PDB file of N, CA and C in Angstrom:
ATOM      1  N   UNK A   1     254.934 112.881 189.983  1.00  0.00           N
ATOM      2  CA  UNK A   1     253.674 112.376 189.495  1.00  0.00           C
ATOM      3  C   UNK A   1     253.857 110.986 188.899  1.00  0.00           C
ATOM      4  N   UNK A   2     254.527 110.159 189.634  1.00  0.00           N
ATOM      5  CA  UNK A   2     254.720 108.784 189.196  1.00  0.00           C
ATOM      6  C   UNK A   2     255.132 107.913 190.365  1.00  0.00           C
ATOM      7  N   UNK A   3     254.805 106.657 190.296  1.00  0.00           N
ATOM      8  CA  UNK A   3     255.136 105.710 191.350  1.00  0.00           C
ATOM      9  C   UNK A   3     256.490 105.091 191.055  1.00  0.00           C
ATOM     10  N   UNK A   4     257.379 105.073 192.020  1.00  0.00           N
ATOM     11  CA  UNK A   4     258.693 104.464 191.874  1.00  0.00           C
ATOM     12  C   UNK A   4     258.570 103.008 192.319  1.00  0.00           C
ATOM     13  N   UNK A   5     258.814 102.082 191.394  1.00  0.00           N
ATOM     14  CA  UNK A   5     258.638 100.668 191.726  1.00  0.00           C
ATOM     15  C   UNK A   5     259.948  99.899 191.785  1.00  0.00           C
ATOM     16  N   UNK A   6     261.021 100.490 191.252  1.00  0.00           N
ATOM     17  CA  UNK A   6     262.266  99.733 191.171  1.00  0.00           C
ATOM     18  C   UNK A   6     263.456 100.669 191.226  1.00  0.00           C
ATOM     19  N   UNK A   7     264.390 100.384 192.099  1.00  0.00           N
ATOM     20  CA  UNK A   7     265.659 101.093 192.156  1.00  0.00           C
ATOM     21  C   UNK A   7     266.736 100.021 192.218  1.00  0.00           C
ATOM     22  N   UNK A   8     267.700 100.088 191.315  1.00  0.00           N
ATOM     23  CA  UNK A   8     268.686  99.009 191.219  1.00  0.00           C
ATOM     24  C   UNK A   8     269.877  99.180 192.145  1.00  0.00           C
ATOM     25  N   UNK A   9     270.088 100.376 192.684  1.00  0.00           N
ATOM     26  CA  UNK A   9     271.246 100.601 193.540  1.00  0.00           C
ATOM     27  C   UNK A   9     270.868 100.704 195.005  1.00  0.00           C
ATOM     28  N   UNK A  10     271.870 100.996 195.830  1.00  0.00           N
ATOM     29  CA  UNK A  10     271.633 101.191 197.255  1.00  0.00           C
ATOM     30  C   UNK A  10     270.718 102.391 197.460  1.00  0.00           C
ATOM     31  N   UNK A  11     269.865 102.316 198.454  1.00  0.00           N
ATOM     32  CA  UNK A  11     268.954 103.412 198.738  1.00  0.00           C
ATOM     33  C   UNK A  11     268.583 103.423 200.207  1.00  0.00           C
ATOM     34  N   UNK A  12     268.170 104.598 200.674  1.00  0.00           N
ATOM     35  CA  UNK A  12     267.655 104.709 202.029  1.00  0.00           C
ATOM     36  C   UNK A  12     266.131 104.743 202.022  1.00  0.00           C
ATOM     37  N   UNK A  13     265.537 104.598 200.844  1.00  0.00           N
ATOM     38  CA  UNK A  13     264.084 104.597 200.740  1.00  0.00           C
ATOM     39  C   UNK A  13     263.514 103.368 201.432  1.00  0.00           C
ATOM     40  N   UNK A  14     262.329 103.489 202.028  1.00  0.00           N
ATOM     41  CA  UNK A  14     261.743 102.364 202.757  1.00  0.00           C
ATOM     42  C   UNK A  14     261.376 101.205 201.828  1.00  0.00           C
ATOM     43  N   UNK A  15     261.702 100.005 202.294  1.00  0.00           N
ATOM     44  CA  UNK A  15     261.407  98.793 201.525  1.00  0.00           C
ATOM     45  C   UNK A  15     260.548  97.848 202.354  1.00  0.00           C
ATOM     46  N   UNK A  16     259.773  97.039 201.640  1.00  0.00           N
ATOM     47  CA  UNK A  16     259.000  95.976 202.291  1.00  0.00           C
ATOM     48  C   UNK A  16     259.930  94.792 202.547  1.00  0.00           C
ATOM     49  N   UNK A  17     259.436  93.811 203.255  1.00  0.00           N
ATOM     50  CA  UNK A  17     260.251  92.638 203.585  1.00  0.00           C
ATOM     51  C   UNK A  17     260.681  91.861 202.341  1.00  0.00           C
ATOM     52  N   UNK A  18     259.900  91.966 201.246  1.00  0.00           N
ATOM     53  CA  UNK A  18     260.283  91.259 200.007  1.00  0.00           C
ATOM     54  C   UNK A  18     261.275  92.056 199.159  1.00  0.00           C
ATOM     55  N   UNK A  19     261.688  93.245 199.647  1.00  0.00           N
ATOM     56  CA  UNK A  19     262.674  94.048 198.934  1.00  0.00           C
ATOM     57  C   UNK A  19     262.088  95.120 198.038  1.00  0.00           C
ATOM     58  N   UNK A  20     260.781  95.046 197.749  1.00  0.00           N
ATOM     59  CA  UNK A  20     260.171  96.074 196.913  1.00  0.00           C
ATOM     60  C   UNK A  20     260.020  97.362 197.710  1.00  0.00           C
ATOM     61  N   UNK A  21     259.945  98.463 196.976  1.00  0.00           N
ATOM     62  CA  UNK A  21     259.820  99.763 197.630  1.00  0.00           C
ATOM     63  C   UNK A  21     258.425  99.949 198.194  1.00  0.00           C
ATOM     64  N   UNK A  22     258.369 100.677 199.298  1.00  0.00           N
ATOM     65  CA  UNK A  22     257.071 101.069 199.823  1.00  0.00           C
ATOM     66  C   UNK A  22     256.516 102.170 198.932  1.00  0.00           C
ATOM     67  N   UNK A  23     255.437 102.783 199.333  1.00  0.00           N
ATOM     68  CA  UNK A  23     254.727 103.776 198.532  1.00  0.00           C
ATOM     69  C   UNK A  23     255.597 105.020 198.323  1.00  0.00           C
ATOM     70  N   UNK A  24     256.424 105.005 197.277  1.00  0.00           N
ATOM     71  CA  UNK A  24     257.324 106.111 196.963  1.00  0.00           C
ATOM     72  C   UNK A  24     256.896 106.715 195.630  1.00  0.00           C
ATOM     73  N   UNK A  25     256.661 108.013 195.615  1.00  0.00           N
ATOM     74  CA  UNK A  25     256.251 108.714 194.400  1.00  0.00           C
ATOM     75  C   UNK A  25     257.252 109.812 194.060  1.00  0.00           C
ATOM     76  N   UNK A  26     257.283 110.185 192.804  1.00  0.00           N
ATOM     77  CA  UNK A  26     258.048 111.348 192.374  1.00  0.00           C
ATOM     78  C   UNK A  26     257.058 112.402 191.887  1.00  0.00           C
ATOM     79  N   UNK A  27     257.433 113.648 191.998  1.00  0.00           N
ATOM     80  CA  UNK A  27     256.561 114.739 191.581  1.00  0.00           C
ATOM     81  C   UNK A  27     257.353 115.730 190.749  1.00  0.00           C
ATOM     82  N   UNK A  28     256.710 116.285 189.722  1.00  0.00           N
ATOM     83  CA  UNK A  28     257.317 117.321 188.898  1.00  0.00           C
ATOM     84  C   UNK A  28     256.593 118.614 189.238  1.00  0.00           C
ATOM     85  N   UNK A  29     257.331 119.588 189.725  1.00  0.00           N
ATOM     86  CA  UNK A  29     256.736 120.873 190.075  1.00  0.00           C
ATOM     87  C   UNK A  29     257.329 121.907 189.130  1.00  0.00           C
ATOM     88  N   UNK A  30     256.466 122.497 188.307  1.00  0.00           N
ATOM     89  CA  UNK A  30     256.925 123.473 187.319  1.00  0.00           C
ATOM     90  C   UNK A  30     255.996 124.681 187.319  1.00  0.00           C
ATOM     91  N   UNK A  31     256.503 125.832 186.919  1.00  0.00           N
ATOM     92  CA  UNK A  31     255.633 127.001 186.780  1.00  0.00           C
ATOM     93  C   UNK A  31     254.569 126.750 185.711  1.00  0.00           C
ATOM     94  N   UNK A  32     253.426 127.368 185.882  1.00  0.00           N
ATOM     95  CA  UNK A  32     252.328 127.243 184.925  1.00  0.00           C
ATOM     96  C   UNK A  32     252.817 127.601 183.520  1.00  0.00           C
ATOM     97  N   UNK A  33     252.470 126.773 182.557  1.00  0.00           N
ATOM     98  CA  UNK A  33     252.840 127.026 181.168  1.00  0.00           C
ATOM     99  C   UNK A  33     254.147 126.385 180.744  1.00  0.00           C
ATOM    100  N   UNK A  34     254.891 125.840 181.694  1.00  0.00           N
ATOM    101  CA  UNK A  34     256.146 125.170 181.366  1.00  0.00           C
ATOM    102  C   UNK A  34     255.990 123.678 181.588  1.00  0.00           C
ATOM    103  N   UNK A  35     256.685 122.902 180.775  1.00  0.00           N
ATOM    104  CA  UNK A  35     256.678 121.453 180.941  1.00  0.00           C
ATOM    105  C   UNK A  35     257.985 120.905 180.384  1.00  0.00           C
ATOM    106  N   UNK A  36     258.125 119.607 180.380  1.00  0.00           N
ATOM    107  CA  UNK A  36     259.363 119.001 179.886  1.00  0.00           C
ATOM    108  C   UNK A  36     259.573 119.294 178.402  1.00  0.00           C
ATOM    109  N   UNK A  37     258.496 119.458 177.670  1.00  0.00           N
ATOM    110  CA  UNK A  37     258.623 119.790 176.251  1.00  0.00           C
ATOM    111  C   UNK A  37     259.207 121.165 176.029  1.00  0.00           C
ATOM    112  N   UNK A  38     258.671 122.163 176.729  1.00  0.00           N
ATOM    113  CA  UNK A  38     259.198 123.526 176.562  1.00  0.00           C
ATOM    114  C   UNK A  38     260.627 123.619 177.076  1.00  0.00           C
ATOM    115  N   UNK A  39     260.929 122.902 178.145  1.00  0.00           N
ATOM    116  CA  UNK A  39     262.301 122.896 178.666  1.00  0.00           C
ATOM    117  C   UNK A  39     263.252 122.240 177.670  1.00  0.00           C
ATOM    118  N   UNK A  40     262.819 121.154 177.057  1.00  0.00           N
ATOM    119  CA  UNK A  40     263.644 120.463 176.065  1.00  0.00           C
ATOM    120  C   UNK A  40     263.907 121.358 174.860  1.00  0.00           C
ATOM    121  N   UNK A  41     262.858 121.999 174.363  1.00  0.00           N
ATOM    122  CA  UNK A  41     263.011 122.883 173.199  1.00  0.00           C
ATOM    123  C   UNK A  41     264.006 124.000 173.501  1.00  0.00           C
ATOM    124  N   UNK A  42     263.890 124.593 174.667  1.00  0.00           N
ATOM    125  CA  UNK A  42     264.787 125.702 175.028  1.00  0.00           C
ATOM    126  C   UNK A  42     266.215 125.217 175.203  1.00  0.00           C
ATOM    127  N   UNK A  43     266.402 124.067 175.840  1.00  0.00           N
ATOM    128  CA  UNK A  43     267.749 123.537 176.040  1.00  0.00           C
ATOM    129  C   UNK A  43     268.412 123.220 174.703  1.00  0.00           C
ATOM    130  N   UNK A  44     267.673 122.611 173.809  1.00  0.00           N
ATOM    131  CA  UNK A  44     268.212 122.305 172.474  1.00  0.00           C
ATOM    132  C   UNK A  44     268.619 123.596 171.773  1.00  0.00           C
ATOM    133  N   UNK A  45     267.775 124.617 171.892  1.00  0.00           N
ATOM    134  CA  UNK A  45     268.083 125.909 171.280  1.00  0.00           C
ATOM    135  C   UNK A  45     269.353 126.517 171.895  1.00  0.00           C
ATOM    136  N   UNK A  46     269.447 126.522 173.219  1.00  0.00           N
ATOM    137  CA  UNK A  46     270.606 127.103 173.889  1.00  0.00           C
ATOM    138  C   UNK A  46     271.904 126.373 173.554  1.00  0.00           C
ATOM    139  N   UNK A  47     271.807 125.060 173.367  1.00  0.00           N
ATOM    140  CA  UNK A  47     272.990 124.266 173.038  1.00  0.00           C
ATOM    141  C   UNK A  47     273.354 124.374 171.557  1.00  0.00           C
ATOM    142  N   UNK A  48     272.448 124.898 170.748  1.00  0.00           N
ATOM    143  CA  UNK A  48     272.711 125.018 169.316  1.00  0.00           C
ATOM    144  C   UNK A  48     272.640 123.687 168.587  1.00  0.00           C
ATOM    145  N   UNK A  49     271.902 122.756 169.130  1.00  0.00           N
ATOM    146  CA  UNK A  49     271.804 121.423 168.534  1.00  0.00           C
ATOM    147  C   UNK A  49     270.729 121.376 167.455  1.00  0.00           C
ATOM    148  N   UNK A  50     270.876 120.442 166.553  1.00  0.00           N
ATOM    149  CA  UNK A  50     269.844 120.148 165.574  1.00  0.00           C
ATOM    150  C   UNK A  50     268.836 119.220 166.261  1.00  0.00           C
ATOM    151  N   UNK A  51     267.579 119.632 166.407  1.00  0.00           N
ATOM    152  CA  UNK A  51     266.598 118.783 167.087  1.00  0.00           C
ATOM    153  C   UNK A  51     266.488 117.377 166.482  1.00  0.00           C
ATOM    154  N   UNK A  52     266.750 117.255 165.189  1.00  0.00           N
ATOM    155  CA  UNK A  52     266.673 115.945 164.533  1.00  0.00           C
ATOM    156  C   UNK A  52     267.704 114.965 165.084  1.00  0.00           C
ATOM    157  N   UNK A  53     268.762 115.483 165.712  1.00  0.00           N
ATOM    158  CA  UNK A  53     269.818 114.626 166.250  1.00  0.00           C
ATOM    159  C   UNK A  53     269.660 114.359 167.747  1.00  0.00           C
ATOM    160  N   UNK A  54     268.547 114.785 168.328  1.00  0.00           N
ATOM    161  CA  UNK A  54     268.315 114.635 169.760  1.00  0.00           C
ATOM    162  C   UNK A  54     267.371 113.462 170.018  1.00  0.00           C
ATOM    163  N   UNK A  55     267.720 112.649 171.021  1.00  0.00           N
ATOM    164  CA  UNK A  55     266.862 111.567 171.486  1.00  0.00           C
ATOM    165  C   UNK A  55     266.410 111.919 172.898  1.00  0.00           C
ATOM    166  N   UNK A  56     265.112 111.895 173.118  1.00  0.00           N
ATOM    167  CA  UNK A  56     264.555 112.078 174.455  1.00  0.00           C
ATOM    168  C   UNK A  56     263.877 110.783 174.855  1.00  0.00           C
ATOM    169  N   UNK A  57     263.798 110.533 176.137  1.00  0.00           N
ATOM    170  CA  UNK A  57     263.135 109.307 176.575  1.00  0.00           C
ATOM    171  C   UNK A  57     262.449 109.526 177.907  1.00  0.00           C
ATOM    172  N   UNK A  58     261.502 108.653 178.193  1.00  0.00           N
ATOM    173  CA  UNK A  58     260.789 108.706 179.456  1.00  0.00           C
ATOM    174  C   UNK A  58     259.734 107.626 179.511  1.00  0.00           C
ATOM    175  N   UNK A  59     259.009 107.618 180.620  1.00  0.00           N
ATOM    176  CA  UNK A  59     258.012 106.564 180.798  1.00  0.00           C
ATOM    177  C   UNK A  59     256.656 107.098 181.261  1.00  0.00           C
ATOM    178  N   UNK A  60     256.460 108.404 181.170  1.00  0.00           N
ATOM    179  CA  UNK A  60     255.205 108.986 181.654  1.00  0.00           C
ATOM    180  C   UNK A  60     254.639 109.977 180.639  1.00  0.00           C
ATOM    181  N   UNK A  61     253.358 110.320 180.792  1.00  0.00           N
ATOM    182  CA  UNK A  61     252.778 111.338 179.900  1.00  0.00           C
ATOM    183  C   UNK A  61     253.542 112.664 179.955  1.00  0.00           C
ATOM    184  N   UNK A  62     254.048 113.045 181.129  1.00  0.00           N
ATOM    185  CA  UNK A  62     254.832 114.283 181.237  1.00  0.00           C
ATOM    186  C   UNK A  62     256.086 114.207 180.375  1.00  0.00           C
ATOM    187  N   UNK A  63     256.679 113.036 180.282  1.00  0.00           N
ATOM    188  CA  UNK A  63     257.872 112.854 179.449  1.00  0.00           C
ATOM    189  C   UNK A  63     257.526 112.947 177.958  1.00  0.00           C
ATOM    190  N   UNK A  64     256.334 112.510 177.610  1.00  0.00           N
ATOM    191  CA  UNK A  64     255.922 112.504 176.200  1.00  0.00           C
ATOM    192  C   UNK A  64     255.852 113.906 175.605  1.00  0.00           C
ATOM    193  N   UNK A  65     255.770 114.929 176.456  1.00  0.00           N
ATOM    194  CA  UNK A  65     255.763 116.316 175.971  1.00  0.00           C
ATOM    195  C   UNK A  65     257.068 116.679 175.269  1.00  0.00           C
ATOM    196  N   UNK A  66     258.124 115.888 175.471  1.00  0.00           N
ATOM    197  CA  UNK A  66     259.404 116.149 174.802  1.00  0.00           C
ATOM    198  C   UNK A  66     259.402 115.670 173.354  1.00  0.00           C
ATOM    199  N   UNK A  67     258.521 114.721 173.024  1.00  0.00           N
ATOM    200  CA  UNK A  67     258.533 114.077 171.701  1.00  0.00           C
ATOM    201  C   UNK A  67     258.475 115.052 170.531  1.00  0.00           C
ATOM    202  N   UNK A  68     257.630 116.082 170.555  1.00  0.00           N
ATOM    203  CA  UNK A  68     257.576 116.991 169.399  1.00  0.00           C
ATOM    204  C   UNK A  68     258.844 117.814 169.176  1.00  0.00           C
ATOM    205  N   UNK A  69     259.715 117.854 170.168  1.00  0.00           N
ATOM    206  CA  UNK A  69     260.889 118.720 170.102  1.00  0.00           C
ATOM    207  C   UNK A  69     262.182 117.984 169.780  1.00  0.00           C
ATOM    208  N   UNK A  70     262.096 116.678 169.611  1.00  0.00           N
ATOM    209  CA  UNK A  70     263.288 115.863 169.360  1.00  0.00           C
ATOM    210  C   UNK A  70     263.100 115.030 168.108  1.00  0.00           C
ATOM    211  N   UNK A  71     264.210 114.634 167.527  1.00  0.00           N
ATOM    212  CA  UNK A  71     264.147 113.775 166.348  1.00  0.00           C
ATOM    213  C   UNK A  71     263.598 112.403 166.673  1.00  0.00           C
ATOM    214  N   UNK A  72     263.910 111.912 167.890  1.00  0.00           N
ATOM    215  CA  UNK A  72     263.465 110.589 168.313  1.00  0.00           C
ATOM    216  C   UNK A  72     263.011 110.648 169.766  1.00  0.00           C
ATOM    217  N   UNK A  73     261.893 109.991 170.042  1.00  0.00           N
ATOM    218  CA  UNK A  73     261.437 109.844 171.418  1.00  0.00           C
ATOM    219  C   UNK A  73     261.325 108.359 171.718  1.00  0.00           C
ATOM    220  N   UNK A  74     261.882 107.945 172.838  1.00  0.00           N
ATOM    221  CA  UNK A  74     261.866 106.552 173.255  1.00  0.00           C
ATOM    222  C   UNK A  74     261.027 106.432 174.525  1.00  0.00           C
ATOM    223  N   UNK A  75     259.877 105.776 174.396  1.00  0.00           N
ATOM    224  CA  UNK A  75     259.031 105.513 175.550  1.00  0.00           C
ATOM    225  C   UNK A  75     259.507 104.221 176.192  1.00  0.00           C
ATOM    226  N   UNK A  76     259.830 104.293 177.470  1.00  0.00           N
ATOM    227  CA  UNK A  76     260.273 103.095 178.164  1.00  0.00           C
ATOM    228  C   UNK A  76     259.118 102.099 178.252  1.00  0.00           C
ATOM    229  N   UNK A  77     259.439 100.843 178.100  1.00  0.00           N
ATOM    230  CA  UNK A  77     258.435  99.782 178.037  1.00  0.00           C
ATOM    231  C   UNK A  77     257.444  99.837 179.203  1.00  0.00           C
ATOM    232  N   UNK A  78     257.909 100.207 180.394  1.00  0.00           N
ATOM    233  CA  UNK A  78     257.013 100.262 181.550  1.00  0.00           C
ATOM    234  C   UNK A  78     255.971 101.368 181.431  1.00  0.00           C
ATOM    235  N   UNK A  79     256.119 102.294 180.482  1.00  0.00           N
ATOM    236  CA  UNK A  79     255.141 103.367 180.306  1.00  0.00           C
ATOM    237  C   UNK A  79     254.138 103.121 179.204  1.00  0.00           C
ATOM    238  N   UNK A  80     254.308 102.035 178.469  1.00  0.00           N
ATOM    239  CA  UNK A  80     253.465 101.809 177.294  1.00  0.00           C
ATOM    240  C   UNK A  80     252.002 101.541 177.649  1.00  0.00           C
ATOM    241  N   UNK A  81     251.736 101.048 178.835  1.00  0.00           N
ATOM    242  CA  UNK A  81     250.364 100.749 179.216  1.00  0.00           C
ATOM    243  C   UNK A  81     249.558 101.952 179.672  1.00  0.00           C
ATOM    244  N   UNK A  82     250.182 103.108 179.782  1.00  0.00           N
ATOM    245  CA  UNK A  82     249.486 104.306 180.243  1.00  0.00           C
ATOM    246  C   UNK A  82     248.705 104.929 179.091  1.00  0.00           C
ATOM    247  N   UNK A  83     247.375 104.975 179.187  1.00  0.00           N
ATOM    248  CA  UNK A  83     246.570 105.537 178.084  1.00  0.00           C
ATOM    249  C   UNK A  83     246.934 106.980 177.746  1.00  0.00           C
ATOM    250  N   UNK A  84     247.346 107.766 178.739  1.00  0.00           N
ATOM    251  CA  UNK A  84     247.724 109.161 178.470  1.00  0.00           C
ATOM    252  C   UNK A  84     249.006 109.230 177.647  1.00  0.00           C
ATOM    253  N   UNK A  85     249.946 108.342 177.911  1.00  0.00           N
ATOM    254  CA  UNK A  85     251.167 108.292 177.099  1.00  0.00           C
ATOM    255  C   UNK A  85     250.835 107.856 175.680  1.00  0.00           C
ATOM    256  N   UNK A  86     249.980 106.859 175.561  1.00  0.00           N
ATOM    257  CA  UNK A  86     249.578 106.388 174.239  1.00  0.00           C
ATOM    258  C   UNK A  86     248.927 107.511 173.442  1.00  0.00           C
ATOM    259  N   UNK A  87     248.045 108.269 174.077  1.00  0.00           N
ATOM    260  CA  UNK A  87     247.378 109.379 173.393  1.00  0.00           C
ATOM    261  C   UNK A  87     248.366 110.470 172.999  1.00  0.00           C
ATOM    262  N   UNK A  88     249.309 110.772 173.881  1.00  0.00           N
ATOM    263  CA  UNK A  88     250.283 111.834 173.605  1.00  0.00           C
ATOM    264  C   UNK A  88     251.199 111.479 172.439  1.00  0.00           C
ATOM    265  N   UNK A  89     251.436 110.190 172.232  1.00  0.00           N
ATOM    266  CA  UNK A  89     252.368 109.763 171.183  1.00  0.00           C
ATOM    267  C   UNK A  89     251.659 109.254 169.929  1.00  0.00           C
ATOM    268  N   UNK A  90     250.330 109.191 169.952  1.00  0.00           N
ATOM    269  CA  UNK A  90     249.579 108.683 168.798  1.00  0.00           C
ATOM    270  C   UNK A  90     249.890 109.499 167.547  1.00  0.00           C
ATOM    271  N   UNK A  91     250.243 108.811 166.501  1.00  0.00           N
ATOM    272  CA  UNK A  91     250.539 109.473 165.234  1.00  0.00           C
ATOM    273  C   UNK A  91     251.916 110.097 165.140  1.00  0.00           C
ATOM    274  N   UNK A  92     252.689 110.032 166.177  1.00  0.00           N
ATOM    275  CA  UNK A  92     254.049 110.590 166.140  1.00  0.00           C
ATOM    276  C   UNK A  92     254.956 109.596 165.434  1.00  0.00           C
ATOM    277  N   UNK A  93     255.517 109.981 164.347  1.00  0.00           N
ATOM    278  CA  UNK A  93     256.404 109.107 163.595  1.00  0.00           C
ATOM    279  C   UNK A  93     257.784 108.953 164.200  1.00  0.00           C
ATOM    280  N   UNK A  94     258.061 109.712 165.246  1.00  0.00           N
ATOM    281  CA  UNK A  94     259.401 109.667 165.852  1.00  0.00           C
ATOM    282  C   UNK A  94     259.416 108.936 167.189  1.00  0.00           C
ATOM    283  N   UNK A  95     258.308 108.288 167.558  1.00  0.00           N
ATOM    284  CA  UNK A  95     258.213 107.646 168.870  1.00  0.00           C
ATOM    285  C   UNK A  95     258.381 106.137 168.750  1.00  0.00           C
ATOM    286  N   UNK A  96     259.190 105.597 169.649  1.00  0.00           N
ATOM    287  CA  UNK A  96     259.465 104.162 169.688  1.00  0.00           C
ATOM    288  C   UNK A  96     259.332 103.691 171.135  1.00  0.00           C
ATOM    289  N   UNK A  97     259.184 102.384 171.316  1.00  0.00           N
ATOM    290  CA  UNK A  97     259.063 101.797 172.645  1.00  0.00           C
ATOM    291  C   UNK A  97     260.273 100.905 172.891  1.00  0.00           C
ATOM    292  N   UNK A  98     260.881 101.065 174.063  1.00  0.00           N
ATOM    293  CA  UNK A  98     262.027 100.223 174.404  1.00  0.00           C
ATOM    294  C   UNK A  98     261.557  98.801 174.688  1.00  0.00           C
ATOM    295  N   UNK A  99     262.452  97.853 174.529  1.00  0.00           N
ATOM    296  CA  UNK A  99     262.113  96.451 174.772  1.00  0.00           C
ATOM    297  C   UNK A  99     262.071  96.122 176.256  1.00  0.00           C
ATOM    298  N   UNK A 100     262.779  96.898 177.063  1.00  0.00           N
ATOM    299  CA  UNK A 100     262.851  96.644 178.501  1.00  0.00           C
ATOM    300  C   UNK A 100     262.357  97.871 179.268  1.00  0.00           C
ATOM    301  N   UNK A 101     262.120  97.705 180.553  1.00  0.00           N
ATOM    302  CA  UNK A 101     261.641  98.793 181.392  1.00  0.00           C
ATOM    303  C   UNK A 101     262.763  99.744 181.801  1.00  0.00           C
ATOM    304  N   UNK A 102     262.379 100.960 182.058  1.00  0.00           N
ATOM    305  CA  UNK A 102     263.190 101.986 182.724  1.00  0.00           C
ATOM    306  C   UNK A 102     264.642 102.050 182.261  1.00  0.00           C
ATOM    307  N   UNK A 103     265.544 102.062 183.232  1.00  0.00           N
ATOM    308  CA  UNK A 103     266.965 102.211 182.947  1.00  0.00           C
ATOM    309  C   UNK A 103     267.485 101.093 182.057  1.00  0.00           C
ATOM    310  N   UNK A 104     267.016  99.874 182.283  1.00  0.00           N
ATOM    311  CA  UNK A 104     267.456  98.748 181.447  1.00  0.00           C
ATOM    312  C   UNK A 104     267.076  98.977 179.991  1.00  0.00           C
ATOM    313  N   UNK A 105     265.871  99.519 179.748  1.00  0.00           N
ATOM    314  CA  UNK A 105     265.438  99.817 178.391  1.00  0.00           C
ATOM    315  C   UNK A 105     266.274 100.896 177.741  1.00  0.00           C
ATOM    316  N   UNK A 106     266.599 101.930 178.515  1.00  0.00           N
ATOM    317  CA  UNK A 106     267.446 102.996 178.002  1.00  0.00           C
ATOM    318  C   UNK A 106     268.825 102.458 177.632  1.00  0.00           C
ATOM    319  N   UNK A 107     269.423 101.689 178.542  1.00  0.00           N
ATOM    320  CA  UNK A 107     270.771 101.164 178.291  1.00  0.00           C
ATOM    321  C   UNK A 107     270.789 100.247 177.074  1.00  0.00           C
ATOM    322  N   UNK A 108     269.797  99.389 176.951  1.00  0.00           N
ATOM    323  CA  UNK A 108     269.742  98.496 175.797  1.00  0.00           C
ATOM    324  C   UNK A 108     269.588  99.304 174.504  1.00  0.00           C
ATOM    325  N   UNK A 109     268.750 100.324 174.516  1.00  0.00           N
ATOM    326  CA  UNK A 109     268.566 101.150 173.324  1.00  0.00           C
ATOM    327  C   UNK A 109     269.861 101.857 172.940  1.00  0.00           C
ATOM    328  N   UNK A 110     270.577 102.392 173.914  1.00  0.00           N
ATOM    329  CA  UNK A 110     271.832 103.084 173.611  1.00  0.00           C
ATOM    330  C   UNK A 110     272.882 102.104 173.085  1.00  0.00           C
ATOM    331  N   UNK A 111     272.940 100.900 173.654  1.00  0.00           N
ATOM    332  CA  UNK A 111     273.870  99.887 173.130  1.00  0.00           C
ATOM    333  C   UNK A 111     273.528  99.537 171.682  1.00  0.00           C
ATOM    334  N   UNK A 112     272.243  99.433 171.383  1.00  0.00           N
ATOM    335  CA  UNK A 112     271.803  99.121 170.023  1.00  0.00           C
ATOM    336  C   UNK A 112     272.196 100.237 169.058  1.00  0.00           C
ATOM    337  N   UNK A 113     271.965 101.471 169.454  1.00  0.00           N
ATOM    338  CA  UNK A 113     272.326 102.613 168.604  1.00  0.00           C
ATOM    339  C   UNK A 113     273.823 102.645 168.358  1.00  0.00           C
ATOM    340  N   UNK A 114     274.613 102.445 169.398  1.00  0.00           N
ATOM    341  CA  UNK A 114     276.072 102.453 169.236  1.00  0.00           C
ATOM    342  C   UNK A 114     276.541 101.316 168.330  1.00  0.00           C
ATOM    343  N   UNK A 115     275.945 100.146 168.463  1.00  0.00           N
ATOM    344  CA  UNK A 115     276.301  99.015 167.602  1.00  0.00           C
ATOM    345  C   UNK A 115     275.957  99.322 166.146  1.00  0.00           C
ATOM    346  N   UNK A 116     274.823  99.941 165.911  1.00  0.00           N
ATOM    347  CA  UNK A 116     274.434 100.301 164.542  1.00  0.00           C
ATOM    348  C   UNK A 116     275.377 101.367 163.967  1.00  0.00           C
ATOM    349  N   UNK A 117     275.776 102.318 164.790  1.00  0.00           N
ATOM    350  CA  UNK A 117     276.712 103.352 164.315  1.00  0.00           C
ATOM    351  C   UNK A 117     278.065 102.734 163.940  1.00  0.00           C
ATOM    352  N   UNK A 118     278.494 101.740 164.701  1.00  0.00           N
ATOM    353  CA  UNK A 118     279.775 101.075 164.393  1.00  0.00           C
ATOM    354  C   UNK A 118     279.698 100.321 163.062  1.00  0.00           C
ATOM    355  N   UNK A 119     278.531  99.816 162.724  1.00  0.00           N
ATOM    356  CA  UNK A 119     278.357  99.059 161.473  1.00  0.00           C
ATOM    357  C   UNK A 119     278.330  99.951 160.251  1.00  0.00           C
ATOM    358  N   UNK A 120     277.945 101.204 160.434  1.00  0.00           N
ATOM    359  CA  UNK A 120     277.802 102.085 159.263  1.00  0.00           C
ATOM    360  C   UNK A 120     279.079 102.799 158.913  1.00  0.00           C
TER     361      UNK A 120
END
């Protein structure tokens, strides 16, 4: 349930002459009543982790369902313009937006966190 606009590695997916991807979508198929939030909550429980120490991230409204179950949720910059994501994260004190899109935003955020941990 999302449009794939950028892949940084080799792929067999169809591309236009300018190198951008053709109409490629991803879909999440889950049983009724389950979503990324319920899956995240259960996984955290099974692993015995403290939810306050978990960071979840994504760029779609479906990803935002993880926010209530983690200490920190990172919305990738490319998802900030989606009104459904904005509504899902409104008032959440644990939600932040990455400075860059997609994988680049995730990597930059993790580098920042690691640098801060080294300073403390």
